[in-house]
Amino acid sequence: MLEPILGSLSCERVLAFIFARQEGYAREMARFFETDLNPIQKQLDKLELAGVLVSRTAGRTRLYEFNPRYAFLKEIKSLLEKAIAFYSPDDRDRLLMVRRRPRRKGKPL
């Protein structure tokens, strides 16, 4: 939906994912969108270089989140919020549902 404005589908995916979940890493995004890892990594690097995103490491994983000092952060977030509202209900629910707590040992799926 935002591909013409942002320049690529990967850029839209990265920004929508981080907007919905506050942070994320490249492989997690690639698995979620069922796409290759390379375009996601390139977009993350590009957005970090532009100052839109910042990253930090947690172990061996590089986590990305929005840069709170980015001048147009409020505008980008409002644009992404509007775009996510137009996603299909299934896609929107899947994107907004965050399951990061560990499971109890031996608990059935």
PDB file of N, CA and C in Angstrom:
ATOM      1  N   MET A   1       0.810  -1.189   0.000  1.00  0.00           N
ATOM      2  CA  MET A   1       0.000   0.000   0.000  1.00  0.00           C
ATOM      3  C   MET A   1       0.865   1.270   0.000  1.00  0.00           C
ATOM      4  N   LEU A   2       1.920   1.283   0.777  1.00  0.00           N
ATOM      5  CA  LEU A   2       2.819   2.441   0.834  1.00  0.00           C
ATOM      6  C   LEU A   2       4.029   2.285  -0.082  1.00  0.00           C
ATOM      7  N   GLU A   3       4.055   1.209  -0.834  1.00  0.00           N
ATOM      8  CA  GLU A   3       5.212   0.931  -1.692  1.00  0.00           C
ATOM      9  C   GLU A   3       5.557   2.085  -2.627  1.00  0.00           C
ATOM     10  N   PRO A   4       4.576   2.725  -3.306  1.00  0.00           N
ATOM     11  CA  PRO A   4       4.949   3.840  -4.200  1.00  0.00           C
ATOM     12  C   PRO A   4       5.585   5.017  -3.462  1.00  0.00           C
ATOM     13  N   ILE A   5       5.180   5.246  -2.233  1.00  0.00           N
ATOM     14  CA  ILE A   5       5.720   6.373  -1.471  1.00  0.00           C
ATOM     15  C   ILE A   5       7.100   6.040  -0.916  1.00  0.00           C
ATOM     16  N   LEU A   6       7.235   4.833  -0.363  1.00  0.00           N
ATOM     17  CA  LEU A   6       8.484   4.454   0.303  1.00  0.00           C
ATOM     18  C   LEU A   6       9.540   3.911  -0.652  1.00  0.00           C
ATOM     19  N   GLY A   7       9.128   3.480  -1.826  1.00  0.00           N
ATOM     20  CA  GLY A   7      10.097   3.036  -2.814  1.00  0.00           C
ATOM     21  C   GLY A   7      10.211   1.538  -2.973  1.00  0.00           C
ATOM     22  N   SER A   8       9.837   0.757  -1.950  1.00  0.00           N
ATOM     23  CA  SER A   8       9.908  -0.695  -2.096  1.00  0.00           C
ATOM     24  C   SER A   8       8.965  -1.363  -1.100  1.00  0.00           C
ATOM     25  N   LEU A   9       8.579  -2.566  -1.442  1.00  0.00           N
ATOM     26  CA  LEU A   9       7.713  -3.347  -0.575  1.00  0.00           C
ATOM     27  C   LEU A   9       8.448  -3.739   0.697  1.00  0.00           C
ATOM     28  N   SER A  10       9.737  -4.020   0.595  1.00  0.00           N
ATOM     29  CA  SER A  10      10.531  -4.390   1.771  1.00  0.00           C
ATOM     30  C   SER A  10      10.575  -3.262   2.791  1.00  0.00           C
ATOM     31  N   CYS A  11      10.675  -2.046   2.331  1.00  0.00           N
ATOM     32  CA  CYS A  11      10.703  -0.892   3.230  1.00  0.00           C
ATOM     33  C   CYS A  11       9.372  -0.777   3.975  1.00  0.00           C
ATOM     34  N   GLU A  12       8.280  -0.947   3.257  1.00  0.00           N
ATOM     35  CA  GLU A  12       6.962  -0.902   3.904  1.00  0.00           C
ATOM     36  C   GLU A  12       6.837  -2.009   4.942  1.00  0.00           C
ATOM     37  N   ARG A  13       7.284  -3.198   4.597  1.00  0.00           N
ATOM     38  CA  ARG A  13       7.200  -4.325   5.518  1.00  0.00           C
ATOM     39  C   ARG A  13       8.000  -4.080   6.789  1.00  0.00           C
ATOM     40  N   VAL A  14       9.225  -3.588   6.629  1.00  0.00           N
ATOM     41  CA  VAL A  14      10.095  -3.330   7.780  1.00  0.00           C
ATOM     42  C   VAL A  14       9.463  -2.289   8.699  1.00  0.00           C
ATOM     43  N   LEU A  15       9.006  -1.185   8.133  1.00  0.00           N
ATOM     44  CA  LEU A  15       8.437  -0.115   8.945  1.00  0.00           C
ATOM     45  C   LEU A  15       7.140  -0.548   9.616  1.00  0.00           C
ATOM     46  N   ALA A  16       6.288  -1.277   8.898  1.00  0.00           N
ATOM     47  CA  ALA A  16       5.026  -1.749   9.483  1.00  0.00           C
ATOM     48  C   ALA A  16       5.289  -2.727  10.617  1.00  0.00           C
ATOM     49  N   PHE A  17       6.257  -3.605  10.440  1.00  0.00           N
ATOM     50  CA  PHE A  17       6.581  -4.582  11.478  1.00  0.00           C
ATOM     51  C   PHE A  17       7.087  -3.889  12.736  1.00  0.00           C
ATOM     52  N   ILE A  18       8.004  -2.961  12.574  1.00  0.00           N
ATOM     53  CA  ILE A  18       8.558  -2.265  13.729  1.00  0.00           C
ATOM     54  C   ILE A  18       7.506  -1.367  14.377  1.00  0.00           C
ATOM     55  N   PHE A  19       6.634  -0.770  13.580  1.00  0.00           N
ATOM     56  CA  PHE A  19       5.568   0.047  14.152  1.00  0.00           C
ATOM     57  C   PHE A  19       4.625  -0.817  15.001  1.00  0.00           C
ATOM     58  N   ALA A  20       4.280  -1.988  14.495  1.00  0.00           N
ATOM     59  CA  ALA A  20       3.330  -2.848  15.200  1.00  0.00           C
ATOM     60  C   ALA A  20       3.923  -3.486  16.446  1.00  0.00           C
ATOM     61  N   ARG A  21       5.213  -3.810  16.415  1.00  0.00           N
ATOM     62  CA  ARG A  21       5.818  -4.557  17.524  1.00  0.00           C
ATOM     63  C   ARG A  21       6.886  -3.791  18.294  1.00  0.00           C
ATOM     64  N   GLN A  22       7.097  -2.541  17.982  1.00  0.00           N
ATOM     65  CA  GLN A  22       8.055  -1.652  18.640  1.00  0.00           C
ATOM     66  C   GLN A  22       9.518  -1.995  18.372  1.00  0.00           C
ATOM     67  N   GLU A  23       9.851  -3.232  18.099  1.00  0.00           N
ATOM     68  CA  GLU A  23      11.229  -3.606  17.753  1.00  0.00           C
ATOM     69  C   GLU A  23      11.198  -4.941  17.036  1.00  0.00           C
ATOM     70  N   GLY A  24      12.302  -5.259  16.380  1.00  0.00           N
ATOM     71  CA  GLY A  24      12.383  -6.539  15.695  1.00  0.00           C
ATOM     72  C   GLY A  24      13.760  -6.732  15.100  1.00  0.00           C
ATOM     73  N   TYR A  25      14.008  -7.957  14.659  1.00  0.00           N
ATOM     74  CA  TYR A  25      15.280  -8.257  14.014  1.00  0.00           C
ATOM     75  C   TYR A  25      15.013  -8.827  12.631  1.00  0.00           C
ATOM     76  N   ALA A  26      16.033  -8.826  11.802  1.00  0.00           N
ATOM     77  CA  ALA A  26      15.871  -9.103  10.378  1.00  0.00           C
ATOM     78  C   ALA A  26      15.275 -10.478  10.099  1.00  0.00           C
ATOM     79  N   ARG A  27      15.797 -11.513  10.705  1.00  0.00           N
ATOM     80  CA  ARG A  27      15.305 -12.862  10.417  1.00  0.00           C
ATOM     81  C   ARG A  27      13.846 -13.019  10.851  1.00  0.00           C
ATOM     82  N   GLU A  28      13.481 -12.405  11.957  1.00  0.00           N
ATOM     83  CA  GLU A  28      12.095 -12.447  12.435  1.00  0.00           C
ATOM     84  C   GLU A  28      11.155 -11.818  11.399  1.00  0.00           C
ATOM     85  N   MET A  29      11.566 -10.696  10.830  1.00  0.00           N
ATOM     86  CA  MET A  29      10.747 -10.019   9.815  1.00  0.00           C
ATOM     87  C   MET A  29      10.652 -10.848   8.545  1.00  0.00           C
ATOM     88  N   ALA A  30      11.776 -11.422   8.126  1.00  0.00           N
ATOM     89  CA  ALA A  30      11.786 -12.238   6.910  1.00  0.00           C
ATOM     90  C   ALA A  30      10.888 -13.469   7.073  1.00  0.00           C
ATOM     91  N   ARG A  31      10.924 -14.104   8.233  1.00  0.00           N
ATOM     92  CA  ARG A  31      10.057 -15.253   8.476  1.00  0.00           C
ATOM     93  C   ARG A  31       8.592 -14.838   8.512  1.00  0.00           C
ATOM     94  N   PHE A  32       8.311 -13.720   9.148  1.00  0.00           N
ATOM     95  CA  PHE A  32       6.930 -13.267   9.262  1.00  0.00           C
ATOM     96  C   PHE A  32       6.321 -13.001   7.894  1.00  0.00           C
ATOM     97  N   PHE A  33       7.055 -12.326   7.028  1.00  0.00           N
ATOM     98  CA  PHE A  33       6.550 -11.977   5.704  1.00  0.00           C
ATOM     99  C   PHE A  33       6.851 -13.041   4.654  1.00  0.00           C
ATOM    100  N   GLU A  34       7.506 -14.134   5.068  1.00  0.00           N
ATOM    101  CA  GLU A  34       7.847 -15.249   4.172  1.00  0.00           C
ATOM    102  C   GLU A  34       8.577 -14.748   2.929  1.00  0.00           C
ATOM    103  N   THR A  35       9.653 -14.026   3.181  1.00  0.00           N
ATOM    104  CA  THR A  35      10.464 -13.467   2.104  1.00  0.00           C
ATOM    105  C   THR A  35      11.937 -13.749   2.379  1.00  0.00           C
ATOM    106  N   ASP A  36      12.782 -13.375   1.448  1.00  0.00           N
ATOM    107  CA  ASP A  36      14.218 -13.553   1.621  1.00  0.00           C
ATOM    108  C   ASP A  36      14.750 -12.595   2.681  1.00  0.00           C
ATOM    109  N   LEU A  37      15.842 -12.987   3.288  1.00  0.00           N
ATOM    110  CA  LEU A  37      16.459 -12.190   4.345  1.00  0.00           C
ATOM    111  C   LEU A  37      17.203 -10.977   3.785  1.00  0.00           C
ATOM    112  N   ASN A  38      17.834 -11.122   2.640  1.00  0.00           N
ATOM    113  CA  ASN A  38      18.692 -10.072   2.091  1.00  0.00           C
ATOM    114  C   ASN A  38      17.968  -8.732   1.872  1.00  0.00           C
ATOM    115  N   PRO A  39      16.796  -8.694   1.226  1.00  0.00           N
ATOM    116  CA  PRO A  39      16.150  -7.385   1.047  1.00  0.00           C
ATOM    117  C   PRO A  39      15.752  -6.727   2.368  1.00  0.00           C
ATOM    118  N   ILE A  40      15.400  -7.521   3.346  1.00  0.00           N
ATOM    119  CA  ILE A  40      15.035  -6.984   4.659  1.00  0.00           C
ATOM    120  C   ILE A  40      16.270  -6.365   5.313  1.00  0.00           C
ATOM    121  N   GLN A  41      17.393  -7.067   5.260  1.00  0.00           N
ATOM    122  CA  GLN A  41      18.625  -6.532   5.841  1.00  0.00           C
ATOM    123  C   GLN A  41      19.062  -5.242   5.149  1.00  0.00           C
ATOM    124  N   LYS A  42      18.931  -5.196   3.828  1.00  0.00           N
ATOM    125  CA  LYS A  42      19.317  -3.989   3.094  1.00  0.00           C
ATOM    126  C   LYS A  42      18.442  -2.807   3.490  1.00  0.00           C
ATOM    127  N   GLN A  43      17.147  -3.034   3.659  1.00  0.00           N
ATOM    128  CA  GLN A  43      16.255  -1.948   4.074  1.00  0.00           C
ATOM    129  C   GLN A  43      16.563  -1.487   5.496  1.00  0.00           C
ATOM    130  N   LEU A  44      16.839  -2.433   6.383  1.00  0.00           N
ATOM    131  CA  LEU A  44      17.188  -2.062   7.750  1.00  0.00           C
ATOM    132  C   LEU A  44      18.455  -1.217   7.771  1.00  0.00           C
ATOM    133  N   ASP A  45      19.458  -1.618   6.992  1.00  0.00           N
ATOM    134  CA  ASP A  45      20.705  -0.834   6.921  1.00  0.00           C
ATOM    135  C   ASP A  45      20.445   0.553   6.353  1.00  0.00           C
ATOM    136  N   LYS A  46      19.639   0.626   5.296  1.00  0.00           N
ATOM    137  CA  LYS A  46      19.326   1.903   4.662  1.00  0.00           C
ATOM    138  C   LYS A  46      18.579   2.834   5.620  1.00  0.00           C
ATOM    139  N   LEU A  47      17.597   2.287   6.323  1.00  0.00           N
ATOM    140  CA  LEU A  47      16.808   3.099   7.254  1.00  0.00           C
ATOM    141  C   LEU A  47      17.633   3.521   8.472  1.00  0.00           C
ATOM    142  N   GLU A  48      18.554   2.672   8.898  1.00  0.00           N
ATOM    143  CA  GLU A  48      19.428   3.041  10.011  1.00  0.00           C
ATOM    144  C   GLU A  48      20.400   4.133   9.584  1.00  0.00           C
ATOM    145  N   LEU A  49      20.941   4.023   8.387  1.00  0.00           N
ATOM    146  CA  LEU A  49      21.854   5.036   7.865  1.00  0.00           C
ATOM    147  C   LEU A  49      21.146   6.385   7.709  1.00  0.00           C
ATOM    148  N   ALA A  50      19.855   6.361   7.351  1.00  0.00           N
ATOM    149  CA  ALA A  50      19.079   7.588   7.189  1.00  0.00           C
ATOM    150  C   ALA A  50      18.639   8.177   8.526  1.00  0.00           C
ATOM    151  N   GLY A  51      18.791   7.416   9.596  1.00  0.00           N
ATOM    152  CA  GLY A  51      18.429   7.933  10.910  1.00  0.00           C
ATOM    153  C   GLY A  51      17.007   7.628  11.334  1.00  0.00           C
ATOM    154  N   VAL A  52      16.261   6.883  10.530  1.00  0.00           N
ATOM    155  CA  VAL A  52      14.879   6.536  10.868  1.00  0.00           C
ATOM    156  C   VAL A  52      14.860   5.476  11.965  1.00  0.00           C
ATOM    157  N   LEU A  53      15.772   4.523  11.886  1.00  0.00           N
ATOM    158  CA  LEU A  53      15.857   3.438  12.856  1.00  0.00           C
ATOM    159  C   LEU A  53      17.181   3.505  13.615  1.00  0.00           C
ATOM    160  N   VAL A  54      17.189   2.937  14.789  1.00  0.00           N
ATOM    161  CA  VAL A  54      18.416   2.729  15.547  1.00  0.00           C
ATOM    162  C   VAL A  54      18.462   1.246  15.911  1.00  0.00           C
ATOM    163  N   SER A  55      19.658   0.748  16.165  1.00  0.00           N
ATOM    164  CA  SER A  55      19.784  -0.666  16.495  1.00  0.00           C
ATOM    165  C   SER A  55      20.615  -0.834  17.752  1.00  0.00           C
ATOM    166  N   ARG A  56      20.407  -1.967  18.374  1.00  0.00           N
ATOM    167  CA  ARG A  56      21.204  -2.358  19.536  1.00  0.00           C
ATOM    168  C   ARG A  56      21.348  -3.866  19.480  1.00  0.00           C
ATOM    169  N   THR A  57      22.342  -4.381  20.156  1.00  0.00           N
ATOM    170  CA  THR A  57      22.543  -5.813  20.148  1.00  0.00           C
ATOM    171  C   THR A  57      22.027  -6.423  21.447  1.00  0.00           C
ATOM    172  N   ALA A  58      21.446  -7.585  21.308  1.00  0.00           N
ATOM    173  CA  ALA A  58      21.007  -8.392  22.442  1.00  0.00           C
ATOM    174  C   ALA A  58      21.600  -9.772  22.201  1.00  0.00           C
ATOM    175  N   GLY A  59      22.731 -10.040  22.821  1.00  0.00           N
ATOM    176  CA  GLY A  59      23.459 -11.273  22.517  1.00  0.00           C
ATOM    177  C   GLY A  59      24.081 -11.141  21.144  1.00  0.00           C
ATOM    178  N   ARG A  60      23.723 -12.070  20.249  1.00  0.00           N
ATOM    179  CA  ARG A  60      24.226 -11.993  18.878  1.00  0.00           C
ATOM    180  C   ARG A  60      23.199 -11.405  17.919  1.00  0.00           C
ATOM    181  N   THR A  61      22.076 -10.965  18.440  1.00  0.00           N
ATOM    182  CA  THR A  61      20.986 -10.464  17.611  1.00  0.00           C
ATOM    183  C   THR A  61      20.974  -8.946  17.604  1.00  0.00           C
ATOM    184  N   ARG A  62      20.820  -8.362  16.428  1.00  0.00           N
ATOM    185  CA  ARG A  62      20.713  -6.916  16.305  1.00  0.00           C
ATOM    186  C   ARG A  62      19.234  -6.544  16.216  1.00  0.00           C
ATOM    187  N   LEU A  63      18.750  -5.834  17.250  1.00  0.00           N
ATOM    188  CA  LEU A  63      17.363  -5.399  17.322  1.00  0.00           C
ATOM    189  C   LEU A  63      17.234  -3.977  16.793  1.00  0.00           C
ATOM    190  N   TYR A  64      16.209  -3.737  16.002  1.00  0.00           N
ATOM    191  CA  TYR A  64      15.964  -2.424  15.417  1.00  0.00           C
ATOM    192  C   TYR A  64      14.685  -1.848  15.997  1.00  0.00           C
ATOM    193  N   GLU A  65      14.680  -0.528  16.174  1.00  0.00           N
ATOM    194  CA  GLU A  65      13.496   0.191  16.635  1.00  0.00           C
ATOM    195  C   GLU A  65      13.544   1.598  16.048  1.00  0.00           C
ATOM    196  N   PHE A  66      12.421   2.322  16.157  1.00  0.00           N
ATOM    197  CA  PHE A  66      12.397   3.684  15.643  1.00  0.00           C
ATOM    198  C   PHE A  66      13.331   4.578  16.453  1.00  0.00           C
ATOM    199  N   ASN A  67      13.966   5.505  15.769  1.00  0.00           N
ATOM    200  CA  ASN A  67      14.834   6.481  16.406  1.00  0.00           C
ATOM    201  C   ASN A  67      13.945   7.561  17.023  1.00  0.00           C
ATOM    202  N   PRO A  68      13.913   7.686  18.343  1.00  0.00           N
ATOM    203  CA  PRO A  68      13.031   8.686  18.964  1.00  0.00           C
ATOM    204  C   PRO A  68      13.410  10.125  18.625  1.00  0.00           C
ATOM    205  N   ARG A  69      14.619  10.336  18.131  1.00  0.00           N
ATOM    206  CA  ARG A  69      15.073  11.682  17.775  1.00  0.00           C
ATOM    207  C   ARG A  69      14.845  12.029  16.303  1.00  0.00           C
ATOM    208  N   TYR A  70      14.260  11.110  15.533  1.00  0.00           N
ATOM    209  CA  TYR A  70      14.019  11.369  14.116  1.00  0.00           C
ATOM    210  C   TYR A  70      12.972  12.470  13.972  1.00  0.00           C
ATOM    211  N   ALA A  71      13.232  13.447  13.128  1.00  0.00           N
ATOM    212  CA  ALA A  71      12.390  14.638  13.020  1.00  0.00           C
ATOM    213  C   ALA A  71      10.958  14.333  12.568  1.00  0.00           C
ATOM    214  N   PHE A  72      10.775  13.349  11.698  1.00  0.00           N
ATOM    215  CA  PHE A  72       9.449  13.064  11.151  1.00  0.00           C
ATOM    216  C   PHE A  72       8.852  11.778  11.713  1.00  0.00           C
ATOM    217  N   LEU A  73       9.254  11.397  12.901  1.00  0.00           N
ATOM    218  CA  LEU A  73       8.784  10.146  13.502  1.00  0.00           C
ATOM    219  C   LEU A  73       7.271  10.145  13.695  1.00  0.00           C
ATOM    220  N   LYS A  74       6.732  11.222  14.186  1.00  0.00           N
ATOM    221  CA  LYS A  74       5.289  11.308  14.424  1.00  0.00           C
ATOM    222  C   LYS A  74       4.513  11.136  13.117  1.00  0.00           C
ATOM    223  N   GLU A  75       4.983  11.744  12.057  1.00  0.00           N
ATOM    224  CA  GLU A  75       4.318  11.666  10.762  1.00  0.00           C
ATOM    225  C   GLU A  75       4.409  10.257  10.170  1.00  0.00           C
ATOM    226  N   ILE A  76       5.575   9.630  10.298  1.00  0.00           N
ATOM    227  CA  ILE A  76       5.737   8.271   9.788  1.00  0.00           C
ATOM    228  C   ILE A  76       4.826   7.317  10.543  1.00  0.00           C
ATOM    229  N   LYS A  77       4.756   7.464  11.852  1.00  0.00           N
ATOM    230  CA  LYS A  77       3.909   6.582  12.647  1.00  0.00           C
ATOM    231  C   LYS A  77       2.436   6.761  12.310  1.00  0.00           C
ATOM    232  N   SER A  78       1.998   7.983  12.083  1.00  0.00           N
ATOM    233  CA  SER A  78       0.593   8.194  11.740  1.00  0.00           C
ATOM    234  C   SER A  78       0.285   7.622  10.355  1.00  0.00           C
ATOM    235  N   LEU A  79       1.223   7.727   9.434  1.00  0.00           N
ATOM    236  CA  LEU A  79       1.046   7.145   8.103  1.00  0.00           C
ATOM    237  C   LEU A  79       0.977   5.618   8.182  1.00  0.00           C
ATOM    238  N   LEU A  80       1.851   5.022   8.975  1.00  0.00           N
ATOM    239  CA  LEU A  80       1.844   3.565   9.137  1.00  0.00           C
ATOM    240  C   LEU A  80       0.586   3.094   9.851  1.00  0.00           C
ATOM    241  N   GLU A  81       0.121   3.845  10.821  1.00  0.00           N
ATOM    242  CA  GLU A  81      -1.115   3.481  11.528  1.00  0.00           C
ATOM    243  C   GLU A  81      -2.295   3.458  10.563  1.00  0.00           C
ATOM    244  N   LYS A  82      -2.368   4.445   9.697  1.00  0.00           N
ATOM    245  CA  LYS A  82      -3.443   4.515   8.699  1.00  0.00           C
ATOM    246  C   LYS A  82      -3.324   3.367   7.703  1.00  0.00           C
ATOM    247  N   ALA A  83      -2.107   3.047   7.276  1.00  0.00           N
ATOM    248  CA  ALA A  83      -1.903   1.961   6.317  1.00  0.00           C
ATOM    249  C   ALA A  83      -2.281   0.614   6.927  1.00  0.00           C
ATOM    250  N   ILE A  84      -1.903   0.369   8.175  1.00  0.00           N
ATOM    251  CA  ILE A  84      -2.218  -0.900   8.829  1.00  0.00           C
ATOM    252  C   ILE A  84      -3.722  -1.043   9.026  1.00  0.00           C
ATOM    253  N   ALA A  85      -4.426   0.052   9.186  1.00  0.00           N
ATOM    254  CA  ALA A  85      -5.886   0.011   9.316  1.00  0.00           C
ATOM    255  C   ALA A  85      -6.542  -0.531   8.046  1.00  0.00           C
ATOM    256  N   PHE A  86      -5.883  -0.395   6.894  1.00  0.00           N
ATOM    257  CA  PHE A  86      -6.433  -0.874   5.638  1.00  0.00           C
ATOM    258  C   PHE A  86      -5.980  -2.291   5.284  1.00  0.00           C
ATOM    259  N   TYR A  87      -5.133  -2.903   6.091  1.00  0.00           N
ATOM    260  CA  TYR A  87      -4.746  -4.305   5.869  1.00  0.00           C
ATOM    261  C   TYR A  87      -5.964  -5.183   6.112  1.00  0.00           C
ATOM    262  N   SER A  88      -5.939  -6.379   5.574  1.00  0.00           N
ATOM    263  CA  SER A  88      -7.034  -7.309   5.838  1.00  0.00           C
ATOM    264  C   SER A  88      -7.051  -7.647   7.327  1.00  0.00           C
ATOM    265  N   PRO A  89      -8.223  -7.973   7.880  1.00  0.00           N
ATOM    266  CA  PRO A  89      -8.284  -8.264   9.322  1.00  0.00           C
ATOM    267  C   PRO A  89      -7.337  -9.380   9.761  1.00  0.00           C
ATOM    268  N   ASP A  90      -7.177 -10.410   8.938  1.00  0.00           N
ATOM    269  CA  ASP A  90      -6.271 -11.503   9.287  1.00  0.00           C
ATOM    270  C   ASP A  90      -4.822 -11.029   9.341  1.00  0.00           C
ATOM    271  N   ASP A  91      -4.412 -10.277   8.321  1.00  0.00           N
ATOM    272  CA  ASP A  91      -3.033  -9.765   8.285  1.00  0.00           C
ATOM    273  C   ASP A  91      -2.778  -8.805   9.440  1.00  0.00           C
ATOM    274  N   ARG A  92      -3.747  -7.946   9.712  1.00  0.00           N
ATOM    275  CA  ARG A  92      -3.591  -6.970  10.795  1.00  0.00           C
ATOM    276  C   ARG A  92      -3.478  -7.675  12.148  1.00  0.00           C
ATOM    277  N   ASP A  93      -4.334  -8.674  12.389  1.00  0.00           N
ATOM    278  CA  ASP A  93      -4.282  -9.400  13.664  1.00  0.00           C
ATOM    279  C   ASP A  93      -2.973 -10.153  13.824  1.00  0.00           C
ATOM    280  N   ARG A  94      -2.515 -10.775  12.740  1.00  0.00           N
ATOM    281  CA  ARG A  94      -1.250 -11.518  12.786  1.00  0.00           C
ATOM    282  C   ARG A  94      -0.072 -10.589  13.040  1.00  0.00           C
ATOM    283  N   LEU A  95      -0.117  -9.398  12.455  1.00  0.00           N
ATOM    284  CA  LEU A  95       0.966  -8.428  12.624  1.00  0.00           C
ATOM    285  C   LEU A  95       0.979  -7.847  14.034  1.00  0.00           C
ATOM    286  N   LEU A  96      -0.178  -7.573  14.583  1.00  0.00           N
ATOM    287  CA  LEU A  96      -0.259  -6.916  15.885  1.00  0.00           C
ATOM    288  C   LEU A  96      -0.128  -7.869  17.058  1.00  0.00           C
ATOM    289  N   MET A  97      -0.287  -9.184  16.833  1.00  0.00           N
ATOM    290  CA  MET A  97      -0.167 -10.144  17.921  1.00  0.00           C
ATOM    291  C   MET A  97       1.312 -10.446  18.181  1.00  0.00           C
ATOM    292  N   VAL A  98       1.751 -10.147  19.377  1.00  0.00           N
ATOM    293  CA  VAL A  98       3.146 -10.361  19.748  1.00  0.00           C
ATOM    294  C   VAL A  98       3.194 -11.459  20.799  1.00  0.00           C
ATOM    295  N   ARG A  99       3.888 -12.547  20.483  1.00  0.00           N
ATOM    296  CA  ARG A  99       4.056 -13.647  21.437  1.00  0.00           C
ATOM    297  C   ARG A  99       5.539 -13.834  21.680  1.00  0.00           C
ATOM    298  N   ARG A 100       6.030 -13.276  22.758  1.00  0.00           N
ATOM    299  CA  ARG A 100       7.459 -13.368  23.041  1.00  0.00           C
ATOM    300  C   ARG A 100       7.758 -14.017  24.383  1.00  0.00           C
ATOM    301  N   ARG A 101       6.733 -14.332  25.145  1.00  0.00           N
ATOM    302  CA  ARG A 101       7.006 -14.963  26.426  1.00  0.00           C
ATOM    303  C   ARG A 101       7.403 -16.417  26.194  1.00  0.00           C
ATOM    304  N   PRO A 102       8.307 -16.927  26.993  1.00  0.00           N
ATOM    305  CA  PRO A 102       8.683 -18.333  26.825  1.00  0.00           C
ATOM    306  C   PRO A 102       7.554 -19.251  27.275  1.00  0.00           C
ATOM    307  N   ARG A 103       7.509 -20.423  26.668  1.00  0.00           N
ATOM    308  CA  ARG A 103       6.483 -21.401  27.012  1.00  0.00           C
ATOM    309  C   ARG A 103       6.948 -22.231  28.205  1.00  0.00           C
ATOM    310  N   ARG A 104       5.989 -22.680  29.000  1.00  0.00           N
ATOM    311  CA  ARG A 104       6.279 -23.534  30.119  1.00  0.00           C
ATOM    312  C   ARG A 104       6.806 -24.870  29.602  1.00  0.00           C
ATOM    313  N   LYS A 105       7.796 -25.426  30.254  1.00  0.00           N
ATOM    314  CA  LYS A 105       8.404 -26.673  29.827  1.00  0.00           C
ATOM    315  C   LYS A 105       7.347 -27.779  29.847  1.00  0.00           C
ATOM    316  N   GLY A 106       7.267 -28.496  28.735  1.00  0.00           N
ATOM    317  CA  GLY A 106       6.341 -29.624  28.625  1.00  0.00           C
ATOM    318  C   GLY A 106       4.919 -29.229  28.269  1.00  0.00           C
ATOM    319  N   LYS A 107       4.635 -27.957  28.077  1.00  0.00           N
ATOM    320  CA  LYS A 107       3.289 -27.520  27.750  1.00  0.00           C
ATOM    321  C   LYS A 107       2.961 -27.907  26.314  1.00  0.00           C
ATOM    322  N   PRO A 108       1.818 -28.527  26.074  1.00  0.00           N
ATOM    323  CA  PRO A 108       1.480 -28.918  24.700  1.00  0.00           C
ATOM    324  C   PRO A 108       1.170 -27.697  23.844  1.00  0.00           C
ATOM    325  N   LEU A 109       1.436 -27.825  22.551  1.00  0.00           N
ATOM    326  CA  LEU A 109       1.135 -26.729  21.632  1.00  0.00           C
ATOM    327  C   LEU A 109      -0.317 -26.737  21.399  1.00  0.00           C
TER     328      LEU A 109
END
